[in-house]
C-alpha atoms as a PDB file:
ATOM      1  CA  MET A   1      26.021   8.097 -25.042  1.00  0.00           C
ATOM      2  CA  PHE A   2      27.764   6.346 -27.956  1.00  0.00           C
ATOM      3  CA  ASP A   3      29.985   3.349 -27.461  1.00  0.00           C
ATOM      4  CA  PHE A   4      31.972   3.941 -30.633  1.00  0.00           C
ATOM      5  CA  GLU A   5      32.198   6.805 -33.137  1.00  0.00           C
ATOM      6  CA  LYS A   6      33.965   7.114 -36.458  1.00  0.00           C
ATOM      7  CA  GLY A   7      33.115  10.233 -38.411  1.00  0.00           C
ATOM      8  CA  ARG A   8      29.361  10.412 -38.808  1.00  0.00           C
ATOM      9  CA  VAL A   9      28.782   6.777 -37.863  1.00  0.00           C
ATOM     10  CA  ARG A  10      27.972   6.036 -34.234  1.00  0.00           C
ATOM     11  CA  TYR A  11      27.428   2.722 -32.515  1.00  0.00           C
ATOM     12  CA  ILE A  12      25.235   2.095 -29.464  1.00  0.00           C
ATOM     13  CA  LYS A  13      25.575  -1.189 -27.591  1.00  0.00           C
ATOM     14  CA  GLY A  14      22.999  -3.345 -25.918  1.00  0.00           C
ATOM     15  CA  GLY A  15      19.570  -3.031 -24.429  1.00  0.00           C
ATOM     16  CA  LYS A  16      16.827  -5.451 -23.440  1.00  0.00           C
ATOM     17  CA  TYR A  17      18.634  -8.092 -25.461  1.00  0.00           C
ATOM     18  CA  PRO A  18      22.341  -8.074 -24.673  1.00  0.00           C
ATOM     19  CA  GLN A  19      23.432  -8.271 -28.301  1.00  0.00           C
ATOM     20  CA  CYS A  20      20.962  -5.804 -29.854  1.00  0.00           C
ATOM     21  CA  HIS A  21      23.041  -2.906 -31.043  1.00  0.00           C
ATOM     22  CA  THR A  22      22.091   0.175 -33.033  1.00  0.00           C
ATOM     23  CA  VAL A  23      23.984   2.092 -35.696  1.00  0.00           C
ATOM     24  CA  PHE A  24      23.290   5.810 -36.019  1.00  0.00           C
ATOM     25  CA  ILE A  25      24.394   7.712 -39.113  1.00  0.00           C
ATOM     26  CA  ASP A  26      24.390  11.431 -38.354  1.00  0.00           C
ATOM     27  CA  ASP A  27      24.600  13.021 -41.779  1.00  0.00           C
ATOM     28  CA  GLU A  28      22.371  15.139 -44.035  1.00  0.00           C
ATOM     29  CA  ILE A  29      19.969  12.211 -43.890  1.00  0.00           C
ATOM     30  CA  ARG A  30      19.879  10.867 -40.321  1.00  0.00           C
ATOM     31  CA  VAL A  31      19.500   7.099 -40.175  1.00  0.00           C
ATOM     32  CA  LEU A  32      19.094   4.526 -37.415  1.00  0.00           C
ATOM     33  CA  ILE A  33      19.756   0.892 -38.195  1.00  0.00           C
ATOM     34  CA  ASP A  34      18.053  -1.645 -35.911  1.00  0.00           C
ATOM     35  CA  PRO A  35      16.937   0.720 -33.113  1.00  0.00           C
ATOM     36  CA  ALA A  36      16.664  -1.893 -30.384  1.00  0.00           C
ATOM     37  CA  CYS A  37      19.375  -0.757 -28.011  1.00  0.00           C
ATOM     38  CA  ASP A  38      18.405   0.889 -24.730  1.00  0.00           C
ATOM     39  CA  ALA A  39      15.533   3.307 -25.439  1.00  0.00           C
ATOM     40  CA  GLU A  40      17.010   5.848 -23.013  1.00  0.00           C
ATOM     41  CA  LYS A  41      20.066   6.111 -25.269  1.00  0.00           C
ATOM     42  CA  LEU A  42      17.877   6.736 -28.317  1.00  0.00           C
ATOM     43  CA  LYS A  43      15.607   9.430 -26.910  1.00  0.00           C
ATOM     44  CA  PRO A  44      18.254  12.206 -26.917  1.00  0.00           C
ATOM     45  CA  ILE A  45      19.002  11.495 -30.578  1.00  0.00           C
ATOM     46  CA  GLN A  46      15.361  12.041 -31.513  1.00  0.00           C
ATOM     47  CA  SER A  47      14.967  15.134 -29.361  1.00  0.00           C
ATOM     48  CA  GLU A  48      18.077  16.787 -30.841  1.00  0.00           C
ATOM     49  CA  LYS A  49      16.922  16.471 -34.467  1.00  0.00           C
ATOM     50  CA  SER A  50      14.501  14.068 -36.069  1.00  0.00           C
ATOM     51  CA  ILE A  51      15.515  10.784 -37.628  1.00  0.00           C
ATOM     52  CA  ASP A  52      14.774  10.563 -41.353  1.00  0.00           C
ATOM     53  CA  ILE A  53      15.021   6.810 -41.906  1.00  0.00           C
ATOM     54  CA  VAL A  54      14.826   3.751 -39.663  1.00  0.00           C
ATOM     55  CA  ILE A  55      16.208   0.584 -41.237  1.00  0.00           C
ATOM     56  CA  ASN A  56      15.392  -2.823 -39.799  1.00  0.00           C
ATOM     57  CA  SER A  57      17.787  -5.452 -41.110  1.00  0.00           C
ATOM     58  CA  HIS A  58      15.130  -8.073 -40.453  1.00  0.00           C
ATOM     59  CA  CYS A  59      11.933  -8.544 -38.491  1.00  0.00           C
ATOM     60  CA  HIS A  60      13.011  -9.747 -35.059  1.00  0.00           C
ATOM     61  CA  GLU A  61      12.130  -7.782 -31.974  1.00  0.00           C
ATOM     62  CA  ASP A  62      15.803  -7.366 -31.091  1.00  0.00           C
ATOM     63  CA  HIS A  63      16.046  -5.259 -34.260  1.00  0.00           C
ATOM     64  CA  PHE A  64      12.758  -3.286 -34.271  1.00  0.00           C
ATOM     65  CA  LEU A  65      12.019  -2.979 -30.544  1.00  0.00           C
ATOM     66  CA  ASN A  66      12.199   0.832 -30.417  1.00  0.00           C
ATOM     67  CA  ASN A  67      10.862   1.738 -33.864  1.00  0.00           C
ATOM     68  CA  TYR A  68       7.923   3.385 -32.108  1.00  0.00           C
ATOM     69  CA  LEU A  69      10.206   6.155 -30.830  1.00  0.00           C
ATOM     70  CA  PHE A  70      10.542   7.463 -34.403  1.00  0.00           C
ATOM     71  CA  PRO A  71       7.004   7.745 -35.784  1.00  0.00           C
ATOM     72  CA  GLU A  72       7.915  10.411 -38.351  1.00  0.00           C
ATOM     73  CA  ALA A  73      10.791   8.442 -39.884  1.00  0.00           C
ATOM     74  CA  GLN A  74      10.502   6.394 -43.040  1.00  0.00           C
ATOM     75  CA  LEU A  75      10.732   2.698 -42.208  1.00  0.00           C
ATOM     76  CA  TRP A  76      12.860   0.617 -44.548  1.00  0.00           C
ATOM     77  CA  VAL A  77      12.563  -3.163 -44.215  1.00  0.00           C
ATOM     78  CA  PRO A  78      13.444  -6.182 -46.375  1.00  0.00           C
ATOM     79  CA  ALA A  79      10.789  -6.689 -49.063  1.00  0.00           C
ATOM     80  CA  LEU A  80      10.381 -10.366 -48.157  1.00  0.00           C
ATOM     81  CA  GLU A  81       9.403  -9.394 -44.604  1.00  0.00           C
ATOM     82  CA  ALA A  82       7.263  -6.323 -45.322  1.00  0.00           C
ATOM     83  CA  ASP A  83       4.031  -8.211 -44.591  1.00  0.00           C
ATOM     84  CA  PHE A  84       5.225  -8.864 -41.036  1.00  0.00           C
ATOM     85  CA  TYR A  85       5.193  -5.113 -40.409  1.00  0.00           C
ATOM     86  CA  LEU A  86       1.736  -4.714 -41.914  1.00  0.00           C
ATOM     87  CA  ASP A  87       0.014  -7.563 -40.090  1.00  0.00           C
ATOM     88  CA  ILE A  88       1.141  -8.610 -36.634  1.00  0.00           C
ATOM     89  CA  ARG A  89      -0.531 -12.011 -37.042  1.00  0.00           C
ATOM     90  CA  GLN A  90       1.828 -12.876 -39.869  1.00  0.00           C
ATOM     91  CA  LEU A  91       4.810 -11.932 -37.728  1.00  0.00           C
ATOM     92  CA  ILE A  92       3.547 -14.022 -34.842  1.00  0.00           C
ATOM     93  CA  ASP A  93       2.816 -17.007 -37.066  1.00  0.00           C
ATOM     94  CA  ALA A  94       6.285 -16.815 -38.604  1.00  0.00           C
ATOM     95  CA  TRP A  95       8.417 -16.306 -35.487  1.00  0.00           C
ATOM     96  CA  THR A  96       6.554 -17.298 -32.376  1.00  0.00           C
ATOM     97  CA  TYR A  97       5.901 -20.300 -30.245  1.00  0.00           C
ATOM     98  CA  ALA A  98       2.869 -22.276 -29.199  1.00  0.00           C
ATOM     99  CA  GLU A  99       0.419 -20.770 -26.704  1.00  0.00           C
ATOM    100  CA  PRO A 100       0.743 -19.367 -24.011  1.00  0.00           C
ATOM    101  CA  ALA A 101       4.125 -17.953 -25.076  1.00  0.00           C
ATOM    102  CA  ASN A 102       2.392 -16.685 -28.200  1.00  0.00           C
ATOM    103  CA  LYS A 103       0.232 -14.295 -26.125  1.00  0.00           C
ATOM    104  CA  GLU A 104       3.215 -12.877 -24.241  1.00  0.00           C
ATOM    105  CA  TYR A 105       5.158 -12.414 -27.465  1.00  0.00           C
ATOM    106  CA  ARG A 106       2.208 -10.632 -29.085  1.00  0.00           C
ATOM    107  CA  GLU A 107       1.911  -8.223 -26.157  1.00  0.00           C
ATOM    108  CA  ASN A 108       5.644  -7.464 -26.185  1.00  0.00           C
ATOM    109  CA  ILE A 109       5.768  -6.535 -29.830  1.00  0.00           C
ATOM    110  CA  LYS A 110       2.372  -4.967 -30.407  1.00  0.00           C
ATOM    111  CA  LYS A 111       3.486  -1.459 -29.513  1.00  0.00           C
ATOM    112  CA  ASN A 112       6.497  -1.612 -31.823  1.00  0.00           C
ATOM    113  CA  ILE A 113       4.914  -2.214 -35.178  1.00  0.00           C
END
């Protein structure tokens, strides 16, 4: 399931976006960093024991795509981007394109925030 392991740190490659990778820290506090790799690789982690913290390095869908798989986890995000997680319109205005791509983008990310 993991592409690389060193001690309690595990690395999972790829997913919908070829370069979206996830770091899993399996310690007393279980942490996922940028859970956007293949969702099928993340599901066994959650079913084994819950994740305590999800960290998104920044607010791009190739970093937060699978946040929704961990509804009980604390979500840690950069303070300057916190509003993007609270109001999808702000995220869309900041990172999206002109219509009609805007509508498709909104639909793709709506379930993840």
